[in-house]
Amino acid sequence: MSTPFNPTTSVPLIRLGRRVADGHQSGSWATLAAIVRLWSRWADHARQRDALADLVENEHLLNDIGLTRDDVLDEINKPFWR
């Protein structure tokens, strides 16, 4: 009995220019690292916006950093991913 698929002549599975071994997920650590970096960036945005929110009522400090109250309100109302 013959089969239409011959494993010795099949095209190897390619992922990001490297051959993927059976059962091995070569990109899993890179994907996890990218997710951690993204989460960290979002957390930084949230912390910075919280700090800005504390300055909203202090015109003197806002003048020191070169921002207006409207600039700060626009920034702190952005979603965390932006």
PDB file of N, CA and C in Angstrom:
ATOM      1  N   MET A   1       0.836  -1.163   0.000  1.00  0.00           N
ATOM      2  CA  MET A   1       0.000   0.000   0.000  1.00  0.00           C
ATOM      3  C   MET A   1       0.892   1.241   0.000  1.00  0.00           C
ATOM      4  N   SER A   2       0.616   2.169  -0.856  1.00  0.00           N
ATOM      5  CA  SER A   2       1.421   3.389  -0.923  1.00  0.00           C
ATOM      6  C   SER A   2       0.646   4.560  -0.314  1.00  0.00           C
ATOM      7  N   THR A   3       1.371   5.515   0.183  1.00  0.00           N
ATOM      8  CA  THR A   3       0.745   6.707   0.752  1.00  0.00           C
ATOM      9  C   THR A   3       1.139   7.921  -0.082  1.00  0.00           C
ATOM     10  N   PRO A   4       0.240   8.873  -0.229  1.00  0.00           N
ATOM     11  CA  PRO A   4       0.561  10.053  -1.028  1.00  0.00           C
ATOM     12  C   PRO A   4       1.544  10.989  -0.315  1.00  0.00           C
ATOM     13  N   PHE A   5       1.757  10.786   0.959  1.00  0.00           N
ATOM     14  CA  PHE A   5       2.643  11.642   1.732  1.00  0.00           C
ATOM     15  C   PHE A   5       3.874  10.851   2.131  1.00  0.00           C
ATOM     16  N   ASN A   6       5.032  11.328   1.750  1.00  0.00           N
ATOM     17  CA  ASN A   6       6.276  10.667   2.089  1.00  0.00           C
ATOM     18  C   ASN A   6       7.043  11.573   3.054  1.00  0.00           C
ATOM     19  N   PRO A   7       7.191  11.181   4.313  1.00  0.00           N
ATOM     20  CA  PRO A   7       7.834  12.053   5.293  1.00  0.00           C
ATOM     21  C   PRO A   7       9.290  12.390   4.977  1.00  0.00           C
ATOM     22  N   THR A   8       9.966  11.607   4.205  1.00  0.00           N
ATOM     23  CA  THR A   8      11.366  11.902   3.911  1.00  0.00           C
ATOM     24  C   THR A   8      11.505  13.004   2.866  1.00  0.00           C
ATOM     25  N   THR A   9      10.470  13.238   2.095  1.00  0.00           N
ATOM     26  CA  THR A   9      10.554  14.290   1.078  1.00  0.00           C
ATOM     27  C   THR A   9       9.636  15.474   1.393  1.00  0.00           C
ATOM     28  N   SER A  10       9.045  15.478   2.577  1.00  0.00           N
ATOM     29  CA  SER A  10       8.139  16.565   2.925  1.00  0.00           C
ATOM     30  C   SER A  10       8.924  17.838   3.226  1.00  0.00           C
ATOM     31  N   VAL A  11       8.251  18.938   3.158  1.00  0.00           N
ATOM     32  CA  VAL A  11       8.866  20.230   3.436  1.00  0.00           C
ATOM     33  C   VAL A  11       8.931  20.418   4.954  1.00  0.00           C
ATOM     34  N   PRO A  12      10.100  20.775   5.485  1.00  0.00           N
ATOM     35  CA  PRO A  12      10.201  20.954   6.931  1.00  0.00           C
ATOM     36  C   PRO A  12       9.397  22.169   7.386  1.00  0.00           C
ATOM     37  N   LEU A  13       8.880  22.085   8.602  1.00  0.00           N
ATOM     38  CA  LEU A  13       8.139  23.186   9.193  1.00  0.00           C
ATOM     39  C   LEU A  13       9.122  24.294   9.551  1.00  0.00           C
ATOM     40  N   ILE A  14       8.879  25.497   9.057  1.00  0.00           N
ATOM     41  CA  ILE A  14       9.790  26.612   9.291  1.00  0.00           C
ATOM     42  C   ILE A  14       9.083  27.665  10.140  1.00  0.00           C
ATOM     43  N   ARG A  15       9.784  28.173  11.112  1.00  0.00           N
ATOM     44  CA  ARG A  15       9.249  29.233  11.961  1.00  0.00           C
ATOM     45  C   ARG A  15      10.359  30.245  12.221  1.00  0.00           C
ATOM     46  N   LEU A  16      10.168  31.445  11.745  1.00  0.00           N
ATOM     47  CA  LEU A  16      11.133  32.521  11.930  1.00  0.00           C
ATOM     48  C   LEU A  16      12.530  32.125  11.467  1.00  0.00           C
ATOM     49  N   GLY A  17      12.609  31.410  10.354  1.00  0.00           N
ATOM     50  CA  GLY A  17      13.892  31.069   9.763  1.00  0.00           C
ATOM     51  C   GLY A  17      14.610  29.902  10.400  1.00  0.00           C
ATOM     52  N   ARG A  18      14.011  29.265  11.384  1.00  0.00           N
ATOM     53  CA  ARG A  18      14.637  28.121  12.028  1.00  0.00           C
ATOM     54  C   ARG A  18      13.734  26.904  11.896  1.00  0.00           C
ATOM     55  N   ARG A  19      14.337  25.738  11.907  1.00  0.00           N
ATOM     56  CA  ARG A  19      13.547  24.512  11.852  1.00  0.00           C
ATOM     57  C   ARG A  19      12.982  24.231  13.241  1.00  0.00           C
ATOM     58  N   VAL A  20      11.728  23.897  13.289  1.00  0.00           N
ATOM     59  CA  VAL A  20      11.067  23.614  14.559  1.00  0.00           C
ATOM     60  C   VAL A  20      11.085  22.111  14.791  1.00  0.00           C
ATOM     61  N   ALA A  21      11.660  21.705  15.918  1.00  0.00           N
ATOM     62  CA  ALA A  21      11.706  20.286  16.255  1.00  0.00           C
ATOM     63  C   ALA A  21      10.329  19.844  16.741  1.00  0.00           C
ATOM     64  N   ASP A  22      10.044  18.561  16.602  1.00  0.00           N
ATOM     65  CA  ASP A  22       8.759  18.037  17.056  1.00  0.00           C
ATOM     66  C   ASP A  22       8.578  18.287  18.546  1.00  0.00           C
ATOM     67  N   GLY A  23       7.443  18.881  18.914  1.00  0.00           N
ATOM     68  CA  GLY A  23       7.132  19.101  20.313  1.00  0.00           C
ATOM     69  C   GLY A  23       7.845  20.276  20.945  1.00  0.00           C
ATOM     70  N   HIS A  24       8.649  21.003  20.209  1.00  0.00           N
ATOM     71  CA  HIS A  24       9.397  22.124  20.763  1.00  0.00           C
ATOM     72  C   HIS A  24       8.818  23.435  20.259  1.00  0.00           C
ATOM     73  N   GLN A  25       8.540  24.343  21.164  1.00  0.00           N
ATOM     74  CA  GLN A  25       8.014  25.651  20.782  1.00  0.00           C
ATOM     75  C   GLN A  25       9.147  26.664  20.901  1.00  0.00           C
ATOM     76  N   SER A  26       9.825  26.903  19.800  1.00  0.00           N
ATOM     77  CA  SER A  26      11.024  27.728  19.845  1.00  0.00           C
ATOM     78  C   SER A  26      10.747  29.183  20.182  1.00  0.00           C
ATOM     79  N   GLY A  27       9.564  29.696  19.870  1.00  0.00           N
ATOM     80  CA  GLY A  27       9.286  31.095  20.108  1.00  0.00           C
ATOM     81  C   GLY A  27       8.581  31.384  21.414  1.00  0.00           C
ATOM     82  N   SER A  28       8.377  30.384  22.257  1.00  0.00           N
ATOM     83  CA  SER A  28       7.579  30.594  23.462  1.00  0.00           C
ATOM     84  C   SER A  28       8.241  31.552  24.446  1.00  0.00           C
ATOM     85  N   TRP A  29       9.559  31.476  24.645  1.00  0.00           N
ATOM     86  CA  TRP A  29      10.234  32.378  25.575  1.00  0.00           C
ATOM     87  C   TRP A  29      10.249  33.795  25.032  1.00  0.00           C
ATOM     88  N   ALA A  30      10.443  33.945  23.742  1.00  0.00           N
ATOM     89  CA  ALA A  30      10.438  35.278  23.141  1.00  0.00           C
ATOM     90  C   ALA A  30       9.052  35.907  23.260  1.00  0.00           C
ATOM     91  N   THR A  31       8.030  35.110  23.071  1.00  0.00           N
ATOM     92  CA  THR A  31       6.664  35.609  23.199  1.00  0.00           C
ATOM     93  C   THR A  31       6.379  36.025  24.633  1.00  0.00           C
ATOM     94  N   LEU A  32       6.780  35.205  25.581  1.00  0.00           N
ATOM     95  CA  LEU A  32       6.588  35.537  26.992  1.00  0.00           C
ATOM     96  C   LEU A  32       7.333  36.817  27.353  1.00  0.00           C
ATOM     97  N   ALA A  33       8.561  36.966  26.892  1.00  0.00           N
ATOM     98  CA  ALA A  33       9.342  38.174  27.175  1.00  0.00           C
ATOM     99  C   ALA A  33       8.670  39.405  26.579  1.00  0.00           C
ATOM    100  N   ALA A  34       8.117  39.281  25.389  1.00  0.00           N
ATOM    101  CA  ALA A  34       7.425  40.402  24.752  1.00  0.00           C
ATOM    102  C   ALA A  34       6.183  40.790  25.549  1.00  0.00           C
ATOM    103  N   ILE A  35       5.467  39.805  26.058  1.00  0.00           N
ATOM    104  CA  ILE A  35       4.276  40.082  26.871  1.00  0.00           C
ATOM    105  C   ILE A  35       4.667  40.783  28.165  1.00  0.00           C
ATOM    106  N   VAL A  36       5.747  40.344  28.795  1.00  0.00           N
ATOM    107  CA  VAL A  36       6.212  40.964  30.037  1.00  0.00           C
ATOM    108  C   VAL A  36       6.644  42.408  29.780  1.00  0.00           C
ATOM    109  N   ARG A  37       7.354  42.656  28.666  1.00  0.00           N
ATOM    110  CA  ARG A  37       7.762  44.023  28.339  1.00  0.00           C
ATOM    111  C   ARG A  37       6.549  44.913  28.100  1.00  0.00           C
ATOM    112  N   LEU A  38       5.548  44.389  27.396  1.00  0.00           N
ATOM    113  CA  LEU A  38       4.337  45.150  27.123  1.00  0.00           C
ATOM    114  C   LEU A  38       3.599  45.471  28.419  1.00  0.00           C
ATOM    115  N   TRP A  39       3.446  44.489  29.291  1.00  0.00           N
ATOM    116  CA  TRP A  39       2.789  44.715  30.575  1.00  0.00           C
ATOM    117  C   TRP A  39       3.557  45.753  31.395  1.00  0.00           C
ATOM    118  N   SER A  40       4.874  45.678  31.365  1.00  0.00           N
ATOM    119  CA  SER A  40       5.700  46.625  32.109  1.00  0.00           C
ATOM    120  C   SER A  40       5.515  48.048  31.577  1.00  0.00           C
ATOM    121  N   ARG A  41       5.439  48.186  30.255  1.00  0.00           N
ATOM    122  CA  ARG A  41       5.224  49.503  29.659  1.00  0.00           C
ATOM    123  C   ARG A  41       3.868  50.062  30.085  1.00  0.00           C
ATOM    124  N   TRP A  42       2.835  49.216  30.073  1.00  0.00           N
ATOM    125  CA  TRP A  42       1.506  49.651  30.487  1.00  0.00           C
ATOM    126  C   TRP A  42       1.495  50.054  31.964  1.00  0.00           C
ATOM    127  N   ALA A  43       2.191  49.303  32.794  1.00  0.00           N
ATOM    128  CA  ALA A  43       2.270  49.628  34.217  1.00  0.00           C
ATOM    129  C   ALA A  43       2.992  50.962  34.416  1.00  0.00           C
ATOM    130  N   ASP A  44       4.040  51.222  33.634  1.00  0.00           N
ATOM    131  CA  ASP A  44       4.739  52.515  33.704  1.00  0.00           C
ATOM    132  C   ASP A  44       3.800  53.658  33.328  1.00  0.00           C
ATOM    133  N   HIS A  45       3.019  53.465  32.267  1.00  0.00           N
ATOM    134  CA  HIS A  45       2.048  54.494  31.870  1.00  0.00           C
ATOM    135  C   HIS A  45       1.092  54.793  33.022  1.00  0.00           C
ATOM    136  N   ALA A  46       0.580  53.762  33.651  1.00  0.00           N
ATOM    137  CA  ALA A  46      -0.375  53.948  34.747  1.00  0.00           C
ATOM    138  C   ALA A  46       0.269  54.685  35.920  1.00  0.00           C
ATOM    139  N   ARG A  47       1.508  54.326  36.278  1.00  0.00           N
ATOM    140  CA  ARG A  47       2.202  55.001  37.390  1.00  0.00           C
ATOM    141  C   ARG A  47       2.460  56.472  37.079  1.00  0.00           C
ATOM    142  N   GLN A  48       2.901  56.741  35.852  1.00  0.00           N
ATOM    143  CA  GLN A  48       3.183  58.128  35.472  1.00  0.00           C
ATOM    144  C   GLN A  48       1.910  58.961  35.456  1.00  0.00           C
ATOM    145  N   ARG A  49       0.834  58.386  34.992  1.00  0.00           N
ATOM    146  CA  ARG A  49      -0.434  59.123  34.969  1.00  0.00           C
ATOM    147  C   ARG A  49      -0.989  59.337  36.365  1.00  0.00           C
ATOM    148  N   ASP A  50      -0.769  58.397  37.253  1.00  0.00           N
ATOM    149  CA  ASP A  50      -1.166  58.606  38.648  1.00  0.00           C
ATOM    150  C   ASP A  50      -0.380  59.758  39.269  1.00  0.00           C
ATOM    151  N   ALA A  51       0.926  59.820  38.961  1.00  0.00           N
ATOM    152  CA  ALA A  51       1.755  60.911  39.482  1.00  0.00           C
ATOM    153  C   ALA A  51       1.298  62.255  38.905  1.00  0.00           C
ATOM    154  N   LEU A  52       0.970  62.283  37.632  1.00  0.00           N
ATOM    155  CA  LEU A  52       0.455  63.511  37.021  1.00  0.00           C
ATOM    156  C   LEU A  52      -0.871  63.936  37.644  1.00  0.00           C
ATOM    157  N   ALA A  53      -1.712  62.962  37.941  1.00  0.00           N
ATOM    158  CA  ALA A  53      -3.014  63.271  38.539  1.00  0.00           C
ATOM    159  C   ALA A  53      -2.840  63.973  39.881  1.00  0.00           C
ATOM    160  N   ASP A  54      -1.774  63.652  40.605  1.00  0.00           N
ATOM    161  CA  ASP A  54      -1.503  64.317  41.885  1.00  0.00           C
ATOM    162  C   ASP A  54      -1.119  65.783  41.690  1.00  0.00           C
ATOM    163  N   LEU A  55      -0.644  66.143  40.485  1.00  0.00           N
ATOM    164  CA  LEU A  55      -0.196  67.504  40.214  1.00  0.00           C
ATOM    165  C   LEU A  55      -1.267  68.404  39.609  1.00  0.00           C
ATOM    166  N   VAL A  56      -2.418  67.850  39.280  1.00  0.00           N
ATOM    167  CA  VAL A  56      -3.445  68.598  38.550  1.00  0.00           C
ATOM    168  C   VAL A  56      -3.798  69.909  39.235  1.00  0.00           C
ATOM    169  N   GLU A  57      -3.905  69.923  40.530  1.00  0.00           N
ATOM    170  CA  GLU A  57      -4.357  71.117  41.262  1.00  0.00           C
ATOM    171  C   GLU A  57      -3.224  72.071  41.632  1.00  0.00           C
ATOM    172  N   ASN A  58      -1.988  71.715  41.336  1.00  0.00           N
ATOM    173  CA  ASN A  58      -0.857  72.549  41.734  1.00  0.00           C
ATOM    174  C   ASN A  58      -0.283  73.262  40.502  1.00  0.00           C
ATOM    175  N   GLU A  59      -0.788  74.476  40.225  1.00  0.00           N
ATOM    176  CA  GLU A  59      -0.353  75.246  39.049  1.00  0.00           C
ATOM    177  C   GLU A  59       1.143  75.512  39.056  1.00  0.00           C
ATOM    178  N   HIS A  60       1.705  75.789  40.233  1.00  0.00           N
ATOM    179  CA  HIS A  60       3.126  76.102  40.326  1.00  0.00           C
ATOM    180  C   HIS A  60       3.991  74.940  39.816  1.00  0.00           C
ATOM    181  N   LEU A  61       3.682  73.710  40.268  1.00  0.00           N
ATOM    182  CA  LEU A  61       4.450  72.545  39.816  1.00  0.00           C
ATOM    183  C   LEU A  61       4.227  72.276  38.332  1.00  0.00           C
ATOM    184  N   LEU A  62       3.012  72.472  37.854  1.00  0.00           N
ATOM    185  CA  LEU A  62       2.740  72.276  36.428  1.00  0.00           C
ATOM    186  C   LEU A  62       3.536  73.256  35.585  1.00  0.00           C
ATOM    187  N   ASN A  63       3.636  74.510  36.047  1.00  0.00           N
ATOM    188  CA  ASN A  63       4.453  75.498  35.338  1.00  0.00           C
ATOM    189  C   ASN A  63       5.919  75.087  35.330  1.00  0.00           C
ATOM    190  N   ASP A  64       6.388  74.509  36.436  1.00  0.00           N
ATOM    191  CA  ASP A  64       7.782  74.065  36.519  1.00  0.00           C
ATOM    192  C   ASP A  64       8.110  72.994  35.482  1.00  0.00           C
ATOM    193  N   ILE A  65       7.163  72.122  35.209  1.00  0.00           N
ATOM    194  CA  ILE A  65       7.435  71.058  34.236  1.00  0.00           C
ATOM    195  C   ILE A  65       6.920  71.405  32.841  1.00  0.00           C
ATOM    196  N   GLY A  66       6.373  72.595  32.681  1.00  0.00           N
ATOM    197  CA  GLY A  66       5.977  73.073  31.361  1.00  0.00           C
ATOM    198  C   GLY A  66       4.677  72.499  30.830  1.00  0.00           C
ATOM    199  N   LEU A  67       3.759  72.162  31.718  1.00  0.00           N
ATOM    200  CA  LEU A  67       2.470  71.617  31.297  1.00  0.00           C
ATOM    201  C   LEU A  67       1.334  72.494  31.808  1.00  0.00           C
ATOM    202  N   THR A  68       0.236  72.467  31.078  1.00  0.00           N
ATOM    203  CA  THR A  68      -0.964  73.149  31.556  1.00  0.00           C
ATOM    204  C   THR A  68      -1.885  72.125  32.202  1.00  0.00           C
ATOM    205  N   ARG A  69      -2.872  72.619  32.924  1.00  0.00           N
ATOM    206  CA  ARG A  69      -3.835  71.725  33.569  1.00  0.00           C
ATOM    207  C   ARG A  69      -4.576  70.902  32.513  1.00  0.00           C
ATOM    208  N   ASP A  70      -4.916  71.527  31.395  1.00  0.00           N
ATOM    209  CA  ASP A  70      -5.601  70.800  30.316  1.00  0.00           C
ATOM    210  C   ASP A  70      -4.729  69.703  29.714  1.00  0.00           C
ATOM    211  N   ASP A  71      -3.423  69.977  29.561  1.00  0.00           N
ATOM    212  CA  ASP A  71      -2.500  68.948  29.060  1.00  0.00           C
ATOM    213  C   ASP A  71      -2.508  67.726  29.980  1.00  0.00           C
ATOM    214  N   VAL A  72      -2.453  67.997  31.273  1.00  0.00           N
ATOM    215  CA  VAL A  72      -2.418  66.907  32.259  1.00  0.00           C
ATOM    216  C   VAL A  72      -3.728  66.129  32.248  1.00  0.00           C
ATOM    217  N   LEU A  73      -4.845  66.848  32.193  1.00  0.00           N
ATOM    218  CA  LEU A  73      -6.137  66.156  32.170  1.00  0.00           C
ATOM    219  C   LEU A  73      -6.284  65.291  30.919  1.00  0.00           C
ATOM    220  N   ASP A  74      -5.808  65.794  29.775  1.00  0.00           N
ATOM    221  CA  ASP A  74      -5.836  64.987  28.547  1.00  0.00           C
ATOM    222  C   ASP A  74      -5.007  63.715  28.706  1.00  0.00           C
ATOM    223  N   GLU A  75      -3.828  63.865  29.316  1.00  0.00           N
ATOM    224  CA  GLU A  75      -2.928  62.717  29.468  1.00  0.00           C
ATOM    225  C   GLU A  75      -3.481  61.687  30.450  1.00  0.00           C
ATOM    226  N   ILE A  76      -4.001  62.124  31.579  1.00  0.00           N
ATOM    227  CA  ILE A  76      -4.440  61.146  32.584  1.00  0.00           C
ATOM    228  C   ILE A  76      -5.745  60.466  32.197  1.00  0.00           C
ATOM    229  N   ASN A  77      -6.453  61.009  31.227  1.00  0.00           N
ATOM    230  CA  ASN A  77      -7.689  60.371  30.780  1.00  0.00           C
ATOM    231  C   ASN A  77      -7.483  59.390  29.632  1.00  0.00           C
ATOM    232  N   LYS A  78      -6.244  59.241  29.175  1.00  0.00           N
ATOM    233  CA  LYS A  78      -5.944  58.258  28.128  1.00  0.00           C
ATOM    234  C   LYS A  78      -6.025  56.849  28.710  1.00  0.00           C
ATOM    235  N   PRO A  79      -6.378  55.865  27.881  1.00  0.00           N
ATOM    236  CA  PRO A  79      -6.329  54.479  28.359  1.00  0.00           C
ATOM    237  C   PRO A  79      -4.882  54.035  28.607  1.00  0.00           C
ATOM    238  N   PHE A  80      -4.690  53.058  29.468  1.00  0.00           N
ATOM    239  CA  PHE A  80      -3.348  52.642  29.871  1.00  0.00           C
ATOM    240  C   PHE A  80      -2.481  52.147  28.719  1.00  0.00           C
ATOM    241  N   TRP A  81      -3.081  51.660  27.647  1.00  0.00           N
ATOM    242  CA  TRP A  81      -2.287  51.090  26.551  1.00  0.00           C
ATOM    243  C   TRP A  81      -1.780  52.159  25.587  1.00  0.00           C
ATOM    244  N   ARG A  82      -2.161  53.397  25.757  1.00  0.00           N
ATOM    245  CA  ARG A  82      -1.701  54.456  24.862  1.00  0.00           C
ATOM    246  C   ARG A  82      -0.642  55.297  25.502  1.00  0.00           C
TER     247      ARG A  82
END
